[in-house]
C-alpha atoms as a PDB file:
ATOM      1  CA  MET A   1     239.944  37.679   4.111  1.00  0.00           C
ATOM      2  CA  ALA A   2     241.574  34.709   1.834  1.00  0.00           C
ATOM      3  CA  ALA A   3     243.461  37.675   0.292  1.00  0.00           C
ATOM      4  CA  GLU A   4     244.789  38.836   3.228  1.00  0.00           C
ATOM      5  CA  MET A   5     245.567  35.364   4.497  1.00  0.00           C
ATOM      6  CA  ARG A   6     247.453  34.448   1.637  1.00  0.00           C
ATOM      7  CA  LYS A   7     249.337  37.636   1.765  1.00  0.00           C
ATOM      8  CA  GLU A   8     250.786  36.901   5.205  1.00  0.00           C
ATOM      9  CA  LEU A   9     252.053  33.810   4.430  1.00  0.00           C
ATOM     10  CA  GLU A  10     253.733  34.860   1.138  1.00  0.00           C
ATOM     11  CA  LEU A  11     251.384  32.873  -1.359  1.00  0.00           C
ATOM     12  CA  ASP A  12     251.009  33.710  -4.755  1.00  0.00           C
ATOM     13  CA  ILE A  13     247.475  34.539  -5.813  1.00  0.00           C
ATOM     14  CA  GLU A  14     247.328  31.307  -7.810  1.00  0.00           C
ATOM     15  CA  ALA A  15     248.638  29.169  -5.491  1.00  0.00           C
ATOM     16  CA  ARG A  16     245.454  26.559  -4.587  1.00  0.00           C
ATOM     17  CA  ILE A  17     244.661  25.966  -0.985  1.00  0.00           C
ATOM     18  CA  VAL A  18     242.563  23.954   1.418  1.00  0.00           C
ATOM     19  CA  VAL A  19     240.399  25.992   3.450  1.00  0.00           C
ATOM     20  CA  ASP A  20     238.819  25.191   6.937  1.00  0.00           C
ATOM     21  CA  LEU A  21     235.551  27.376   8.173  1.00  0.00           C
ATOM     22  CA  SER A  22     233.980  27.813  11.525  1.00  0.00           C
ATOM     23  CA  ILE A  23     230.921  29.918  11.671  1.00  0.00           C
ATOM     24  CA  ALA A  24     229.324  31.170  15.163  1.00  0.00           C
ATOM     25  CA  ASP A  25     225.846  31.494  13.202  1.00  0.00           C
ATOM     26  CA  ASP A  26     224.283  28.162  12.111  1.00  0.00           C
ATOM     27  CA  ARG A  27     221.877  30.472   9.580  1.00  0.00           C
ATOM     28  CA  VAL A  28     224.628  31.848   7.739  1.00  0.00           C
ATOM     29  CA  ASP A  29     227.230  28.403   8.087  1.00  0.00           C
ATOM     30  CA  SER A  30     224.197  26.991   6.199  1.00  0.00           C
ATOM     31  CA  LEU A  31     224.556  29.774   3.761  1.00  0.00           C
ATOM     32  CA  VAL A  32     228.362  29.613   3.260  1.00  0.00           C
ATOM     33  CA  ARG A  33     227.447  25.557   2.555  1.00  0.00           C
ATOM     34  CA  GLU A  34     224.855  26.301   0.156  1.00  0.00           C
ATOM     35  CA  HIS A  35     227.594  28.209  -1.948  1.00  0.00           C
ATOM     36  CA  GLU A  36     230.745  26.274  -1.352  1.00  0.00           C
ATOM     37  CA  ASN A  37     231.593  25.754  -5.263  1.00  0.00           C
ATOM     38  CA  LEU A  38     231.596  29.212  -5.576  1.00  0.00           C
ATOM     39  CA  ILE A  39     233.441  30.325  -2.404  1.00  0.00           C
ATOM     40  CA  LYS A  40     236.308  27.698  -3.974  1.00  0.00           C
ATOM     41  CA  GLU A  41     236.321  29.389  -7.225  1.00  0.00           C
ATOM     42  CA  GLU A  42     237.053  32.658  -5.735  1.00  0.00           C
ATOM     43  CA  VAL A  43     239.334  31.894  -3.587  1.00  0.00           C
ATOM     44  CA  ARG A  44     240.957  29.142  -5.016  1.00  0.00           C
ATOM     45  CA  ALA A  45     240.778  26.472  -2.718  1.00  0.00           C
ATOM     46  CA  ASP A  46     240.863  22.874  -4.052  1.00  0.00           C
ATOM     47  CA  GLU A  47     238.380  21.896  -0.958  1.00  0.00           C
ATOM     48  CA  LEU A  48     236.484  23.487   2.399  1.00  0.00           C
ATOM     49  CA  GLY A  49     237.763  20.884   4.686  1.00  0.00           C
ATOM     50  CA  THR A  50     240.118  20.443   7.493  1.00  0.00           C
ATOM     51  CA  VAL A  51     243.556  22.758   8.124  1.00  0.00           C
ATOM     52  CA  GLU A  52     245.478  20.870  10.950  1.00  0.00           C
ATOM     53  CA  ASP A  53     248.452  23.070  10.718  1.00  0.00           C
ATOM     54  CA  GLY A  54     247.265  26.174   8.292  1.00  0.00           C
ATOM     55  CA  HIS A  55     247.053  29.986   8.948  1.00  0.00           C
ATOM     56  CA  ARG A  56     244.155  30.439  11.377  1.00  0.00           C
ATOM     57  CA  LYS A  57     242.251  34.017  11.991  1.00  0.00           C
ATOM     58  CA  THR A  58     238.758  34.616  13.495  1.00  0.00           C
ATOM     59  CA  TRP A  59     236.970  37.450  11.386  1.00  0.00           C
ATOM     60  CA  ASP A  60     234.347  39.380  12.369  1.00  0.00           C
ATOM     61  CA  VAL A  61     231.957  39.830   9.389  1.00  0.00           C
ATOM     62  CA  GLU A  62     229.309  41.744   9.513  1.00  0.00           C
ATOM     63  CA  GLY A  63     228.535  40.626  13.504  1.00  0.00           C
ATOM     64  CA  THR A  64     228.845  37.185  12.577  1.00  0.00           C
ATOM     65  CA  GLU A  65     232.398  35.380  14.171  1.00  0.00           C
ATOM     66  CA  MET A  66     234.246  33.543  11.558  1.00  0.00           C
ATOM     67  CA  GLU A  67     237.623  31.157  12.022  1.00  0.00           C
ATOM     68  CA  ILE A  68     239.072  30.679   9.017  1.00  0.00           C
ATOM     69  CA  ALA A  69     242.278  28.902   8.178  1.00  0.00           C
ATOM     70  CA  ILE A  70     243.773  28.333   4.939  1.00  0.00           C
ATOM     71  CA  ALA A  71     246.753  25.709   3.974  1.00  0.00           C
ATOM     72  CA  PRO A  72     248.792  25.368   0.553  1.00  0.00           C
ATOM     73  CA  VAL A  73     247.822  22.179  -1.317  1.00  0.00           C
ATOM     74  CA  ALA A  74     250.700  19.737  -1.010  1.00  0.00           C
ATOM     75  CA  PRO A  75     252.118  19.392  -4.475  1.00  0.00           C
ATOM     76  CA  THR A  76     251.843  16.392  -5.662  1.00  0.00           C
ATOM     77  CA  GLN A  77     254.818  14.000  -6.789  1.00  0.00           C
ATOM     78  CA  THR A  78     255.570  12.991 -10.388  1.00  0.00           C
ATOM     79  CA  SER A  79     257.189   9.348 -10.535  1.00  0.00           C
ATOM     80  CA  ASN A  80     259.733   9.683 -13.602  1.00  0.00           C
END
């Protein structure tokens, strides 16, 4: 899912992102939250948090509706 969304945004596979998840099933949401670190590692996300103006899509995952939004992490500026 995240890989397809990266492609739609023309993001490099290694680009760091923020992922926002909204899961209709409380049990599945709880399981996802238990494995946040693994999910962040797998999708190369710096955080699971709120995405205001990202790419948003609704998915049906084995009968559970999930809304996923991704946005690239803003590059940090370095001062010279």
